[in-house]
Amino acid sequence: MSEQNKAAIRRWVEEAINKGKVDVLDELLAPNYVYHGPGQELHGPAALKQLIIDFRAAFPDLHAAIDDMVVEGEKLATRFTMTGTHKGAFVGIAPTGKRITLPVLVITRFERGRAVEDWEVYDGLGLMQQLGALKPGSLQ
């Protein structure tokens, strides 16, 4: 099952994140899917699809590269690096044209071959610094 789950995550990254073909998530996520991310919790595939659409609108050349995958039972930890150019509004920040590099770690729990829950962490402070919204070494 672990190889199937790894293949599902690779497809998720390549199709949904890198190509913007978010409808693939209907096949990969369970209807009761829950996403736990920094400051938010989303329910259902449609909510995650919208999150990806919004992120790709802000960073249209968004690309995720998988760095590591570790399996433990029905959980899969994926560490990947996202890059992109800020060309659309993002959390109230007007486009800056700046390139970003965002390390991300996601732990995905699977049931019967479909993702049912994700826990995601990423360097939000570093992202805001890269966009010029915060000065390095500052929390203001």
N, C-alpha and C. Protein backbone atom coordinates (compact mmCIF):
# COMPACT_ATOMS: atom_id res chain seq x y z
N MET A 1 0.82 -1.20 0.00
CA MET A 1 0.00 0.00 0.00
C MET A 1 0.86 1.26 0.00
N SER A 2 2.04 1.19 0.62
CA SER A 2 2.87 2.40 0.72
C SER A 2 3.31 2.91 -0.64
N GLU A 3 3.61 2.01 -1.59
CA GLU A 3 4.00 2.46 -2.93
C GLU A 3 2.83 3.12 -3.64
N GLN A 4 1.63 2.62 -3.42
CA GLN A 4 0.42 3.24 -3.98
C GLN A 4 0.24 4.64 -3.42
N ASN A 5 0.44 4.79 -2.13
CA ASN A 5 0.27 6.09 -1.49
C ASN A 5 1.32 7.08 -1.98
N LYS A 6 2.55 6.61 -2.14
CA LYS A 6 3.61 7.47 -2.69
C LYS A 6 3.25 7.92 -4.10
N ALA A 7 2.75 6.99 -4.91
CA ALA A 7 2.35 7.32 -6.29
C ALA A 7 1.22 8.35 -6.28
N ALA A 8 0.30 8.23 -5.33
CA ALA A 8 -0.81 9.20 -5.24
C ALA A 8 -0.28 10.59 -4.92
N ILE A 9 0.68 10.69 -4.00
CA ILE A 9 1.24 12.00 -3.66
C ILE A 9 2.03 12.56 -4.83
N ARG A 10 2.78 11.72 -5.52
CA ARG A 10 3.52 12.22 -6.70
C ARG A 10 2.56 12.77 -7.74
N ARG A 11 1.46 12.08 -7.94
CA ARG A 11 0.44 12.54 -8.91
C ARG A 11 -0.19 13.85 -8.45
N TRP A 12 -0.50 13.95 -7.16
CA TRP A 12 -1.06 15.15 -6.56
C TRP A 12 -0.15 16.34 -6.82
N VAL A 13 1.14 16.17 -6.52
CA VAL A 13 2.11 17.25 -6.70
C VAL A 13 2.23 17.62 -8.17
N GLU A 14 2.42 16.63 -9.02
CA GLU A 14 2.66 16.91 -10.44
C GLU A 14 1.43 17.49 -11.14
N GLU A 15 0.28 16.86 -10.93
CA GLU A 15 -0.93 17.30 -11.64
C GLU A 15 -1.57 18.53 -11.00
N ALA A 16 -1.88 18.46 -9.71
CA ALA A 16 -2.64 19.53 -9.06
C ALA A 16 -1.78 20.76 -8.80
N ILE A 17 -0.62 20.58 -8.17
CA ILE A 17 0.20 21.73 -7.80
C ILE A 17 0.96 22.27 -9.01
N ASN A 18 1.70 21.42 -9.70
CA ASN A 18 2.57 21.90 -10.77
C ASN A 18 1.82 22.28 -12.05
N LYS A 19 0.76 21.56 -12.37
CA LYS A 19 0.04 21.83 -13.62
C LYS A 19 -1.30 22.53 -13.41
N GLY A 20 -1.75 22.61 -12.16
CA GLY A 20 -3.03 23.26 -11.89
C GLY A 20 -4.25 22.43 -12.24
N LYS A 21 -4.06 21.14 -12.48
CA LYS A 21 -5.17 20.25 -12.82
C LYS A 21 -5.76 19.68 -11.53
N VAL A 22 -6.47 20.54 -10.81
CA VAL A 22 -6.94 20.20 -9.46
C VAL A 22 -8.03 19.13 -9.44
N ASP A 23 -8.68 18.87 -10.57
CA ASP A 23 -9.72 17.86 -10.57
C ASP A 23 -9.19 16.46 -10.25
N VAL A 24 -7.88 16.25 -10.39
CA VAL A 24 -7.29 14.97 -10.03
C VAL A 24 -7.51 14.68 -8.55
N LEU A 25 -7.70 15.72 -7.75
CA LEU A 25 -7.90 15.51 -6.32
C LEU A 25 -9.21 14.77 -6.01
N ASP A 26 -10.18 14.83 -6.92
CA ASP A 26 -11.42 14.07 -6.72
C ASP A 26 -11.14 12.57 -6.67
N GLU A 27 -10.09 12.14 -7.36
CA GLU A 27 -9.70 10.72 -7.35
C GLU A 27 -8.82 10.36 -6.16
N LEU A 28 -8.03 11.33 -5.70
CA LEU A 28 -7.01 11.05 -4.70
C LEU A 28 -7.46 11.29 -3.26
N LEU A 29 -8.48 12.12 -3.08
CA LEU A 29 -8.94 12.47 -1.73
C LEU A 29 -10.28 11.82 -1.43
N ALA A 30 -10.46 11.42 -0.18
CA ALA A 30 -11.75 10.91 0.26
C ALA A 30 -12.73 12.08 0.38
N PRO A 31 -14.02 11.83 0.25
CA PRO A 31 -15.01 12.91 0.37
C PRO A 31 -14.96 13.63 1.72
N ASN A 32 -14.53 12.92 2.78
CA ASN A 32 -14.46 13.52 4.12
C ASN A 32 -13.06 14.04 4.44
N TYR A 33 -12.25 14.31 3.43
CA TYR A 33 -10.88 14.80 3.58
C TYR A 33 -10.83 16.07 4.44
N VAL A 34 -9.81 16.15 5.31
CA VAL A 34 -9.59 17.33 6.16
C VAL A 34 -8.13 17.77 6.03
N TYR A 35 -7.94 19.07 5.80
CA TYR A 35 -6.61 19.67 5.70
C TYR A 35 -6.40 20.54 6.94
N HIS A 36 -5.29 20.28 7.65
CA HIS A 36 -4.89 21.09 8.79
C HIS A 36 -3.63 21.85 8.37
N GLY A 37 -3.75 23.14 8.16
CA GLY A 37 -2.61 23.95 7.76
C GLY A 37 -2.43 25.10 8.73
N PRO A 38 -1.35 25.83 8.57
CA PRO A 38 -1.11 26.97 9.47
C PRO A 38 -2.30 27.94 9.47
N GLY A 39 -2.96 28.03 10.60
CA GLY A 39 -4.05 28.98 10.77
C GLY A 39 -5.35 28.63 10.08
N GLN A 40 -5.47 27.41 9.54
CA GLN A 40 -6.72 27.07 8.88
C GLN A 40 -6.98 25.57 8.87
N GLU A 41 -8.24 25.23 8.77
CA GLU A 41 -8.66 23.86 8.61
C GLU A 41 -9.69 23.85 7.49
N LEU A 42 -9.47 22.99 6.51
CA LEU A 42 -10.36 22.92 5.35
C LEU A 42 -10.99 21.54 5.30
N HIS A 43 -12.24 21.49 4.82
CA HIS A 43 -12.97 20.23 4.75
C HIS A 43 -13.41 19.95 3.33
N GLY A 44 -13.08 18.77 2.84
CA GLY A 44 -13.51 18.31 1.54
C GLY A 44 -12.55 18.67 0.42
N PRO A 45 -12.57 17.86 -0.65
CA PRO A 45 -11.70 18.11 -1.79
C PRO A 45 -11.88 19.49 -2.42
N ALA A 46 -13.11 19.99 -2.47
CA ALA A 46 -13.35 21.30 -3.12
C ALA A 46 -12.60 22.42 -2.41
N ALA A 47 -12.51 22.35 -1.10
CA ALA A 47 -11.82 23.39 -0.34
C ALA A 47 -10.31 23.36 -0.63
N LEU A 48 -9.73 22.17 -0.72
CA LEU A 48 -8.30 22.08 -1.04
C LEU A 48 -8.05 22.52 -2.47
N LYS A 49 -8.94 22.15 -3.38
CA LYS A 49 -8.80 22.59 -4.77
C LYS A 49 -8.76 24.12 -4.84
N GLN A 50 -9.63 24.77 -4.10
CA GLN A 50 -9.67 26.24 -4.11
C GLN A 50 -8.39 26.83 -3.53
N LEU A 51 -7.85 26.22 -2.49
CA LEU A 51 -6.59 26.68 -1.92
C LEU A 51 -5.48 26.64 -2.96
N ILE A 52 -5.40 25.55 -3.70
CA ILE A 52 -4.38 25.42 -4.74
C ILE A 52 -4.61 26.42 -5.86
N ILE A 53 -5.85 26.59 -6.28
CA ILE A 53 -6.18 27.57 -7.32
C ILE A 53 -5.76 28.96 -6.89
N ASP A 54 -6.06 29.32 -5.66
CA ASP A 54 -5.69 30.66 -5.14
C ASP A 54 -4.18 30.84 -5.09
N PHE A 55 -3.47 29.81 -4.64
CA PHE A 55 -2.01 29.90 -4.55
C PHE A 55 -1.40 30.02 -5.94
N ARG A 56 -1.94 29.25 -6.89
CA ARG A 56 -1.43 29.33 -8.26
C ARG A 56 -1.78 30.66 -8.92
N ALA A 57 -2.86 31.30 -8.50
CA ALA A 57 -3.19 32.63 -9.04
C ALA A 57 -2.15 33.65 -8.58
N ALA A 58 -1.65 33.49 -7.37
CA ALA A 58 -0.63 34.40 -6.84
C ALA A 58 0.75 34.06 -7.39
N PHE A 59 0.99 32.78 -7.65
CA PHE A 59 2.29 32.29 -8.13
C PHE A 59 2.02 31.39 -9.35
N PRO A 60 1.76 31.98 -10.53
CA PRO A 60 1.32 31.18 -11.68
C PRO A 60 2.35 30.17 -12.19
N ASP A 61 3.62 30.37 -11.90
CA ASP A 61 4.65 29.42 -12.31
C ASP A 61 5.02 28.48 -11.16
N LEU A 62 4.11 28.31 -10.22
CA LEU A 62 4.35 27.49 -9.04
C LEU A 62 4.86 26.10 -9.44
N HIS A 63 5.90 25.67 -8.76
CA HIS A 63 6.45 24.33 -8.99
C HIS A 63 6.86 23.73 -7.65
N ALA A 64 6.44 22.49 -7.43
CA ALA A 64 6.81 21.75 -6.23
C ALA A 64 7.70 20.59 -6.63
N ALA A 65 8.80 20.43 -5.91
CA ALA A 65 9.72 19.32 -6.13
C ALA A 65 9.79 18.51 -4.85
N ILE A 66 9.51 17.23 -4.95
CA ILE A 66 9.55 16.35 -3.78
C ILE A 66 11.01 16.08 -3.41
N ASP A 67 11.32 16.33 -2.14
CA ASP A 67 12.67 16.10 -1.62
C ASP A 67 12.78 14.76 -0.90
N ASP A 68 11.77 14.40 -0.12
CA ASP A 68 11.78 13.16 0.66
C ASP A 68 10.37 12.66 0.85
N MET A 69 10.25 11.34 0.98
CA MET A 69 8.98 10.71 1.35
C MET A 69 9.31 9.59 2.34
N VAL A 70 8.57 9.55 3.46
CA VAL A 70 8.78 8.53 4.48
C VAL A 70 7.41 7.96 4.85
N VAL A 71 7.32 6.64 4.83
CA VAL A 71 6.05 5.96 5.11
C VAL A 71 6.11 5.27 6.47
N GLU A 72 5.03 5.40 7.22
CA GLU A 72 4.86 4.67 8.48
C GLU A 72 3.40 4.24 8.52
N GLY A 73 3.14 3.00 8.24
CA GLY A 73 1.77 2.50 8.22
C GLY A 73 0.97 3.21 7.13
N GLU A 74 -0.16 3.79 7.52
CA GLU A 74 -1.03 4.50 6.58
C GLU A 74 -0.72 5.99 6.52
N LYS A 75 0.39 6.41 7.12
CA LYS A 75 0.79 7.82 7.06
C LYS A 75 2.02 7.96 6.18
N LEU A 76 2.04 9.05 5.44
CA LEU A 76 3.14 9.34 4.53
C LEU A 76 3.59 10.78 4.76
N ALA A 77 4.85 10.95 5.13
CA ALA A 77 5.42 12.29 5.30
C ALA A 77 6.13 12.66 4.00
N THR A 78 5.80 13.83 3.49
CA THR A 78 6.41 14.32 2.26
C THR A 78 7.02 15.69 2.54
N ARG A 79 8.31 15.80 2.24
CA ARG A 79 8.99 17.09 2.33
C ARG A 79 9.25 17.53 0.91
N PHE A 80 8.78 18.73 0.59
CA PHE A 80 9.00 19.24 -0.76
C PHE A 80 9.31 20.73 -0.71
N THR A 81 9.81 21.22 -1.83
CA THR A 81 10.17 22.63 -1.95
C THR A 81 9.35 23.23 -3.08
N MET A 82 8.63 24.30 -2.76
CA MET A 82 7.86 25.02 -3.77
C MET A 82 8.61 26.28 -4.16
N THR A 83 8.59 26.58 -5.45
CA THR A 83 9.16 27.82 -5.97
C THR A 83 8.13 28.48 -6.86
N GLY A 84 8.25 29.78 -7.01
CA GLY A 84 7.33 30.50 -7.89
C GLY A 84 7.63 31.98 -7.88
N THR A 85 6.96 32.69 -8.77
CA THR A 85 7.11 34.13 -8.89
C THR A 85 5.81 34.80 -8.49
N HIS A 86 5.89 35.75 -7.60
CA HIS A 86 4.72 36.43 -7.05
C HIS A 86 4.16 37.41 -8.10
N LYS A 87 3.16 36.96 -8.85
CA LYS A 87 2.57 37.77 -9.92
C LYS A 87 1.11 38.12 -9.70
N GLY A 88 0.53 37.65 -8.60
CA GLY A 88 -0.86 37.94 -8.27
C GLY A 88 -0.97 38.24 -6.79
N ALA A 89 -2.08 38.86 -6.40
CA ALA A 89 -2.28 39.20 -4.98
C ALA A 89 -2.22 37.94 -4.12
N PHE A 90 -1.59 38.07 -2.96
CA PHE A 90 -1.45 36.95 -2.03
C PHE A 90 -1.62 37.47 -0.62
N VAL A 91 -2.61 36.98 0.10
CA VAL A 91 -2.94 37.39 1.46
C VAL A 91 -2.84 38.91 1.64
N GLY A 92 -3.39 39.63 0.69
CA GLY A 92 -3.42 41.09 0.77
C GLY A 92 -2.15 41.78 0.30
N ILE A 93 -1.18 41.03 -0.18
CA ILE A 93 0.07 41.61 -0.66
C ILE A 93 0.00 41.71 -2.19
N ALA A 94 0.14 42.92 -2.70
CA ALA A 94 0.12 43.13 -4.14
C ALA A 94 1.31 42.41 -4.78
N PRO A 95 1.18 42.03 -6.05
CA PRO A 95 2.28 41.33 -6.72
C PRO A 95 3.59 42.10 -6.63
N THR A 96 4.65 41.36 -6.32
CA THR A 96 5.98 41.98 -6.18
C THR A 96 6.93 41.57 -7.29
N GLY A 97 6.61 40.51 -8.00
CA GLY A 97 7.51 39.98 -9.01
C GLY A 97 8.67 39.21 -8.42
N LYS A 98 8.68 39.02 -7.11
CA LYS A 98 9.79 38.33 -6.44
C LYS A 98 9.63 36.81 -6.54
N ARG A 99 10.76 36.12 -6.67
CA ARG A 99 10.79 34.66 -6.65
C ARG A 99 10.80 34.19 -5.20
N ILE A 100 10.06 33.15 -4.94
CA ILE A 100 10.03 32.58 -3.59
C ILE A 100 10.48 31.13 -3.63
N THR A 101 11.02 30.70 -2.51
CA THR A 101 11.35 29.30 -2.28
C THR A 101 10.74 28.95 -0.93
N LEU A 102 9.86 27.97 -0.92
CA LEU A 102 9.09 27.65 0.28
C LEU A 102 9.24 26.17 0.63
N PRO A 103 9.96 25.85 1.72
CA PRO A 103 10.01 24.46 2.17
C PRO A 103 8.69 24.09 2.85
N VAL A 104 8.21 22.88 2.56
CA VAL A 104 6.92 22.42 3.06
C VAL A 104 7.07 20.98 3.56
N LEU A 105 6.36 20.67 4.65
CA LEU A 105 6.29 19.31 5.15
C LEU A 105 4.83 18.97 5.36
N VAL A 106 4.41 17.85 4.78
CA VAL A 106 3.02 17.40 4.90
C VAL A 106 3.01 15.95 5.35
N ILE A 107 2.17 15.67 6.33
CA ILE A 107 1.92 14.28 6.71
C ILE A 107 0.50 13.97 6.27
N THR A 108 0.38 12.94 5.44
CA THR A 108 -0.91 12.55 4.88
C THR A 108 -1.31 11.20 5.44
N ARG A 109 -2.55 11.11 5.90
CA ARG A 109 -3.10 9.83 6.37
C ARG A 109 -4.04 9.28 5.30
N PHE A 110 -3.84 8.02 4.96
CA PHE A 110 -4.63 7.36 3.93
C PHE A 110 -5.57 6.34 4.54
N GLU A 111 -6.71 6.16 3.91
CA GLU A 111 -7.63 5.05 4.20
C GLU A 111 -8.10 4.51 2.87
N ARG A 112 -7.97 3.21 2.70
CA ARG A 112 -8.42 2.54 1.48
C ARG A 112 -7.90 3.25 0.21
N GLY A 113 -6.63 3.66 0.24
CA GLY A 113 -6.00 4.21 -0.95
C GLY A 113 -6.28 5.67 -1.25
N ARG A 114 -7.03 6.35 -0.37
CA ARG A 114 -7.32 7.77 -0.59
C ARG A 114 -6.88 8.58 0.62
N ALA A 115 -6.42 9.80 0.36
CA ALA A 115 -6.02 10.68 1.45
C ALA A 115 -7.26 11.14 2.20
N VAL A 116 -7.22 11.02 3.53
CA VAL A 116 -8.34 11.47 4.35
C VAL A 116 -7.98 12.65 5.23
N GLU A 117 -6.67 12.85 5.45
CA GLU A 117 -6.28 13.94 6.34
C GLU A 117 -4.84 14.34 6.05
N ASP A 118 -4.60 15.65 6.11
CA ASP A 118 -3.26 16.21 5.93
C ASP A 118 -2.95 17.15 7.07
N TRP A 119 -1.69 17.14 7.50
CA TRP A 119 -1.16 18.13 8.43
C TRP A 119 0.02 18.77 7.70
N GLU A 120 -0.06 20.07 7.47
CA GLU A 120 0.98 20.75 6.70
C GLU A 120 1.62 21.86 7.52
N VAL A 121 2.94 21.95 7.42
CA VAL A 121 3.68 23.06 8.02
C VAL A 121 4.61 23.62 6.95
N TYR A 122 4.78 24.93 6.99
CA TYR A 122 5.70 25.59 6.08
C TYR A 122 6.22 26.85 6.74
N ASP A 123 7.27 27.41 6.16
CA ASP A 123 7.93 28.60 6.72
C ASP A 123 7.20 29.86 6.27
N GLY A 124 6.08 30.16 6.92
CA GLY A 124 5.29 31.35 6.58
C GLY A 124 6.05 32.64 6.83
N LEU A 125 6.83 32.70 7.90
CA LEU A 125 7.61 33.89 8.20
C LEU A 125 8.64 34.13 7.10
N GLY A 126 9.32 33.07 6.68
CA GLY A 126 10.29 33.20 5.60
C GLY A 126 9.64 33.63 4.30
N LEU A 127 8.43 33.12 4.05
CA LEU A 127 7.70 33.51 2.84
C LEU A 127 7.39 35.01 2.86
N MET A 128 6.91 35.51 4.00
CA MET A 128 6.60 36.94 4.11
C MET A 128 7.86 37.80 3.95
N GLN A 129 8.99 37.30 4.46
CA GLN A 129 10.25 38.02 4.29
C GLN A 129 10.66 38.05 2.82
N GLN A 130 10.51 36.94 2.14
CA GLN A 130 10.87 36.88 0.72
C GLN A 130 10.01 37.83 -0.12
N LEU A 131 8.76 38.02 0.29
CA LEU A 131 7.86 38.92 -0.44
C LEU A 131 8.07 40.38 -0.05
N GLY A 132 8.90 40.61 0.96
CA GLY A 132 9.16 41.98 1.40
C GLY A 132 8.11 42.50 2.38
N ALA A 133 7.23 41.63 2.85
CA ALA A 133 6.19 42.05 3.80
C ALA A 133 6.75 42.17 5.21
N LEU A 134 7.85 41.50 5.48
CA LEU A 134 8.54 41.57 6.77
C LEU A 134 10.03 41.70 6.51
N LYS A 135 10.71 42.46 7.33
CA LYS A 135 12.15 42.57 7.22
C LYS A 135 12.79 41.39 7.94
N PRO A 136 13.88 40.83 7.38
CA PRO A 136 14.57 39.74 8.07
C PRO A 136 14.95 40.16 9.49
N GLY A 137 14.71 39.26 10.45
CA GLY A 137 15.03 39.56 11.84
C GLY A 137 13.95 40.38 12.54
N SER A 138 12.86 40.67 11.82
CA SER A 138 11.80 41.50 12.39
C SER A 138 10.50 40.71 12.42
N LEU A 139 9.72 40.96 13.42
CA LEU A 139 8.38 40.38 13.47
C LEU A 139 7.33 41.46 13.25
N GLN A 140 7.71 42.57 12.65
CA GLN A 140 6.77 43.67 12.44
C GLN A 140 6.39 43.77 10.99
